[in-house]
C-alpha atoms as a PDB file:
ATOM      1  CA  UNK A   1      25.245 -16.977 -30.162  1.00  0.00           C
ATOM      2  CA  UNK A   2      26.894 -14.156 -27.380  1.00  0.00           C
ATOM      3  CA  UNK A   3      26.162 -13.996 -24.224  1.00  0.00           C
ATOM      4  CA  UNK A   4      23.768 -10.751 -24.697  1.00  0.00           C
ATOM      5  CA  UNK A   5      22.479 -12.091 -27.934  1.00  0.00           C
ATOM      6  CA  UNK A   6      21.119 -15.147 -25.297  1.00  0.00           C
ATOM      7  CA  UNK A   7      20.305 -13.092 -21.643  1.00  0.00           C
ATOM      8  CA  UNK A   8      17.941 -10.502 -23.991  1.00  0.00           C
ATOM      9  CA  UNK A   9      16.827 -13.697 -25.843  1.00  0.00           C
ATOM     10  CA  UNK A  10      16.002 -14.615 -22.036  1.00  0.00           C
ATOM     11  CA  UNK A  11      14.426 -11.132 -21.678  1.00  0.00           C
ATOM     12  CA  UNK A  12      12.414 -11.111 -24.276  1.00  0.00           C
ATOM     13  CA  UNK A  13      11.226 -14.309 -23.754  1.00  0.00           C
ATOM     14  CA  UNK A  14      10.406 -13.718 -19.600  1.00  0.00           C
ATOM     15  CA  UNK A  15       7.949 -10.538 -21.077  1.00  0.00           C
ATOM     16  CA  UNK A  16       6.375 -12.325 -23.171  1.00  0.00           C
ATOM     17  CA  UNK A  17       5.167 -14.747 -20.523  1.00  0.00           C
ATOM     18  CA  UNK A  18       4.283 -12.569 -18.647  1.00  0.00           C
ATOM     19  CA  UNK A  19       2.136 -11.088 -20.741  1.00  0.00           C
ATOM     20  CA  UNK A  20       0.190 -14.308 -22.154  1.00  0.00           C
ATOM     21  CA  UNK A  21       0.127 -14.673 -17.965  1.00  0.00           C
ATOM     22  CA  UNK A  22      -1.769 -11.731 -17.275  1.00  0.00           C
ATOM     23  CA  UNK A  23      -3.620 -12.072 -20.021  1.00  0.00           C
ATOM     24  CA  UNK A  24      -4.538 -14.414 -19.708  1.00  0.00           C
ATOM     25  CA  UNK A  25      -5.206 -14.148 -15.791  1.00  0.00           C
ATOM     26  CA  UNK A  26      -7.672 -11.499 -16.590  1.00  0.00           C
ATOM     27  CA  UNK A  27      -9.553 -13.220 -18.857  1.00  0.00           C
ATOM     28  CA  UNK A  28     -10.789 -16.901 -17.947  1.00  0.00           C
ATOM     29  CA  UNK A  29     -10.995 -14.474 -13.875  1.00  0.00           C
ATOM     30  CA  UNK A  30     -13.814 -11.405 -14.885  1.00  0.00           C
ATOM     31  CA  UNK A  31     -15.417 -11.608 -12.064  1.00  0.00           C
ATOM     32  CA  UNK A  32     -12.086 -10.511  -9.414  1.00  0.00           C
ATOM     33  CA  UNK A  33     -12.690  -7.778  -7.647  1.00  0.00           C
ATOM     34  CA  UNK A  34      -9.587  -4.425  -7.858  1.00  0.00           C
ATOM     35  CA  UNK A  35      -7.970  -2.882  -5.512  1.00  0.00           C
ATOM     36  CA  UNK A  36      -9.511   0.359  -5.321  1.00  0.00           C
ATOM     37  CA  UNK A  37      -6.034   1.576  -3.177  1.00  0.00           C
ATOM     38  CA  UNK A  38      -3.392  -0.231  -3.752  1.00  0.00           C
ATOM     39  CA  UNK A  39       0.294  -0.145  -1.602  1.00  0.00           C
ATOM     40  CA  UNK A  40       2.862  -1.449  -3.155  1.00  0.00           C
ATOM     41  CA  UNK A  41       7.000  -1.887  -1.466  1.00  0.00           C
ATOM     42  CA  UNK A  42       9.500  -0.807  -3.992  1.00  0.00           C
ATOM     43  CA  UNK A  43      12.557  -0.515  -0.931  1.00  0.00           C
ATOM     44  CA  UNK A  44      14.282  -3.168   0.149  1.00  0.00           C
ATOM     45  CA  UNK A  45      13.184  -4.024   3.364  1.00  0.00           C
ATOM     46  CA  UNK A  46       9.262  -5.587   4.228  1.00  0.00           C
ATOM     47  CA  UNK A  47       7.435  -2.660   5.759  1.00  0.00           C
ATOM     48  CA  UNK A  48       4.691  -3.351   7.789  1.00  0.00           C
ATOM     49  CA  UNK A  49       1.640  -0.405   6.371  1.00  0.00           C
ATOM     50  CA  UNK A  50      -1.768   0.959   8.125  1.00  0.00           C
ATOM     51  CA  UNK A  51      -3.632   3.901   6.601  1.00  0.00           C
ATOM     52  CA  UNK A  52      -5.962   6.530   7.861  1.00  0.00           C
ATOM     53  CA  UNK A  53      -9.740   7.691   5.865  1.00  0.00           C
ATOM     54  CA  UNK A  54     -13.388   9.331   6.696  1.00  0.00           C
ATOM     55  CA  UNK A  55     -15.505   6.990   7.181  1.00  0.00           C
ATOM     56  CA  UNK A  56     -19.256   7.319   7.073  1.00  0.00           C
ATOM     57  CA  UNK A  57     -17.741  11.416   8.238  1.00  0.00           C
ATOM     58  CA  UNK A  58     -15.208  10.050  11.258  1.00  0.00           C
ATOM     59  CA  UNK A  59     -11.860   9.173  10.431  1.00  0.00           C
ATOM     60  CA  UNK A  60     -10.624   5.502  11.536  1.00  0.00           C
ATOM     61  CA  UNK A  61      -7.731   3.727  10.753  1.00  0.00           C
ATOM     62  CA  UNK A  62      -6.747   0.361   9.844  1.00  0.00           C
ATOM     63  CA  UNK A  63      -3.486  -2.076   9.821  1.00  0.00           C
ATOM     64  CA  UNK A  64      -1.576  -3.556   9.106  1.00  0.00           C
ATOM     65  CA  UNK A  65      -1.017  -5.329   5.755  1.00  0.00           C
ATOM     66  CA  UNK A  66       3.021  -6.315   5.428  1.00  0.00           C
ATOM     67  CA  UNK A  67       4.185  -5.558   2.064  1.00  0.00           C
ATOM     68  CA  UNK A  68       7.841  -7.785   1.152  1.00  0.00           C
ATOM     69  CA  UNK A  69       9.705  -5.732  -1.479  1.00  0.00           C
ATOM     70  CA  UNK A  70       8.344  -5.550  -4.856  1.00  0.00           C
ATOM     71  CA  UNK A  71       5.361  -6.554  -3.388  1.00  0.00           C
ATOM     72  CA  UNK A  72       1.897  -4.812  -3.329  1.00  0.00           C
ATOM     73  CA  UNK A  73      -1.520  -4.922  -0.630  1.00  0.00           C
ATOM     74  CA  UNK A  74      -4.248  -4.041  -1.827  1.00  0.00           C
ATOM     75  CA  UNK A  75      -5.949  -2.350   1.168  1.00  0.00           C
ATOM     76  CA  UNK A  76      -8.436   0.023   0.348  1.00  0.00           C
ATOM     77  CA  UNK A  77     -11.311  -2.676  -2.063  1.00  0.00           C
ATOM     78  CA  UNK A  78     -13.420  -0.962  -2.776  1.00  0.00           C
ATOM     79  CA  UNK A  79     -13.680   2.636  -4.897  1.00  0.00           C
ATOM     80  CA  UNK A  80     -12.209   5.974  -2.944  1.00  0.00           C
ATOM     81  CA  UNK A  81     -14.432   7.866  -1.509  1.00  0.00           C
ATOM     82  CA  UNK A  82     -12.482  10.099   0.089  1.00  0.00           C
ATOM     83  CA  UNK A  83      -9.523  12.294  -1.817  1.00  0.00           C
ATOM     84  CA  UNK A  84      -7.377  11.825   0.760  1.00  0.00           C
ATOM     85  CA  UNK A  85      -6.131   8.751   1.986  1.00  0.00           C
ATOM     86  CA  UNK A  86      -3.285   8.556   5.028  1.00  0.00           C
ATOM     87  CA  UNK A  87      -0.197   6.561   5.275  1.00  0.00           C
ATOM     88  CA  UNK A  88       1.262   5.546   7.720  1.00  0.00           C
ATOM     89  CA  UNK A  89       4.476   2.708   7.101  1.00  0.00           C
ATOM     90  CA  UNK A  90       7.399   1.011   9.584  1.00  0.00           C
ATOM     91  CA  UNK A  91       9.954  -1.655   9.283  1.00  0.00           C
ATOM     92  CA  UNK A  92       9.188  -4.970  11.041  1.00  0.00           C
ATOM     93  CA  UNK A  93      11.458  -2.850  14.449  1.00  0.00           C
ATOM     94  CA  UNK A  94       9.076  -0.354  14.442  1.00  0.00           C
ATOM     95  CA  UNK A  95      11.442   2.313  12.509  1.00  0.00           C
ATOM     96  CA  UNK A  96       8.881   4.439  10.444  1.00  0.00           C
ATOM     97  CA  UNK A  97       9.569   4.738   7.013  1.00  0.00           C
ATOM     98  CA  UNK A  98       8.047   8.443   5.752  1.00  0.00           C
ATOM     99  CA  UNK A  99       8.331  11.104   7.268  1.00  0.00           C
ATOM    100  CA  UNK A 100       4.406  12.372   8.144  1.00  0.00           C
ATOM    101  CA  UNK A 101       3.121  15.087   9.160  1.00  0.00           C
ATOM    102  CA  UNK A 102      -0.926  13.798   9.759  1.00  0.00           C
ATOM    103  CA  UNK A 103      -1.366  13.057  13.145  1.00  0.00           C
ATOM    104  CA  UNK A 104      -3.185   9.461  13.722  1.00  0.00           C
ATOM    105  CA  UNK A 105      -4.137   6.439  16.188  1.00  0.00           C
ATOM    106  CA  UNK A 106      -2.483   3.028  16.164  1.00  0.00           C
ATOM    107  CA  UNK A 107      -2.068   0.054  17.964  1.00  0.00           C
ATOM    108  CA  UNK A 108       1.208  -2.847  16.979  1.00  0.00           C
ATOM    109  CA  UNK A 109      -1.169  -5.643  15.934  1.00  0.00           C
ATOM    110  CA  UNK A 110      -3.971  -5.774  13.670  1.00  0.00           C
ATOM    111  CA  UNK A 111      -6.432  -2.914  14.754  1.00  0.00           C
ATOM    112  CA  UNK A 112      -9.554  -0.316  13.601  1.00  0.00           C
ATOM    113  CA  UNK A 113      -9.541   2.749  15.619  1.00  0.00           C
ATOM    114  CA  UNK A 114     -12.283   5.023  14.297  1.00  0.00           C
ATOM    115  CA  UNK A 115     -11.078   8.836  15.652  1.00  0.00           C
ATOM    116  CA  UNK A 116      -7.927  10.424  15.596  1.00  0.00           C
ATOM    117  CA  UNK A 117      -7.533  12.267  18.654  1.00  0.00           C
ATOM    118  CA  UNK A 118      -6.394  11.994  21.411  1.00  0.00           C
ATOM    119  CA  UNK A 119      -4.424   8.369  20.672  1.00  0.00           C
ATOM    120  CA  UNK A 120      -2.616   8.069  24.000  1.00  0.00           C
ATOM    121  CA  UNK A 121      -5.467   8.679  26.586  1.00  0.00           C
ATOM    122  CA  UNK A 122      -7.597   5.860  24.678  1.00  0.00           C
ATOM    123  CA  UNK A 123      -4.659   4.019  25.133  1.00  0.00           C
ATOM    124  CA  UNK A 124      -3.617   3.826  21.545  1.00  0.00           C
ATOM    125  CA  UNK A 125       0.155   4.706  20.858  1.00  0.00           C
ATOM    126  CA  UNK A 126       0.237   7.931  18.378  1.00  0.00           C
ATOM    127  CA  UNK A 127       1.760   8.221  14.781  1.00  0.00           C
ATOM    128  CA  UNK A 128       2.578  10.722  12.254  1.00  0.00           C
ATOM    129  CA  UNK A 129       0.996   9.951   8.573  1.00  0.00           C
ATOM    130  CA  UNK A 130       1.291  11.107   5.066  1.00  0.00           C
ATOM    131  CA  UNK A 131      -1.245  12.466   3.331  1.00  0.00           C
ATOM    132  CA  UNK A 132      -2.074  11.242  -0.221  1.00  0.00           C
ATOM    133  CA  UNK A 133      -4.162  13.221  -2.253  1.00  0.00           C
ATOM    134  CA  UNK A 134      -5.779  10.981  -4.697  1.00  0.00           C
ATOM    135  CA  UNK A 135      -7.079  13.695  -6.930  1.00  0.00           C
ATOM    136  CA  UNK A 136     -10.434  11.858  -6.629  1.00  0.00           C
ATOM    137  CA  UNK A 137      -9.714   9.464  -9.002  1.00  0.00           C
ATOM    138  CA  UNK A 138     -11.757   6.224  -8.222  1.00  0.00           C
ATOM    139  CA  UNK A 139      -7.939   4.248  -7.471  1.00  0.00           C
ATOM    140  CA  UNK A 140      -5.405   4.847  -7.032  1.00  0.00           C
ATOM    141  CA  UNK A 141      -1.385   3.180  -6.580  1.00  0.00           C
ATOM    142  CA  UNK A 142       0.863   4.684  -3.273  1.00  0.00           C
ATOM    143  CA  UNK A 143       4.816   3.563  -4.188  1.00  0.00           C
ATOM    144  CA  UNK A 144       6.888   3.788  -1.600  1.00  0.00           C
ATOM    145  CA  UNK A 145      10.730   3.726  -2.238  1.00  0.00           C
ATOM    146  CA  UNK A 146      13.531   3.542  -0.649  1.00  0.00           C
ATOM    147  CA  UNK A 147      15.349   6.846   1.259  1.00  0.00           C
ATOM    148  CA  UNK A 148      17.969   8.983  -1.102  1.00  0.00           C
END
């Protein structure tokens, strides 16, 4: 058998094993929680992610989720109630990775902040989040890709 045929057989076997594992995993855990808003990192760097959303009529930001390359994080575990979710991502050195236009508050360490105005005067850091239109669906995944 030539090298190409061997490689193709390996890929097919790996795909079949993965499909079996996924289906088997779903069958064994029927009550497992599903991600309702996931952020998937398709960039070449580890990213730290914060989100903003409307919670009981007031905006709230939360962070951080650290997401490795080709990994996903379930950042909202209940069905989406708001059409718009706001996302901020930075690399491990603190450099912003998205070019957002919506200003919200963050902290250097894990945080939950109610309200998005007057970040600096309230002792928080101001950051620019992107707006994600979930189109009123109950579940959504956002894929972070490397810059062009």
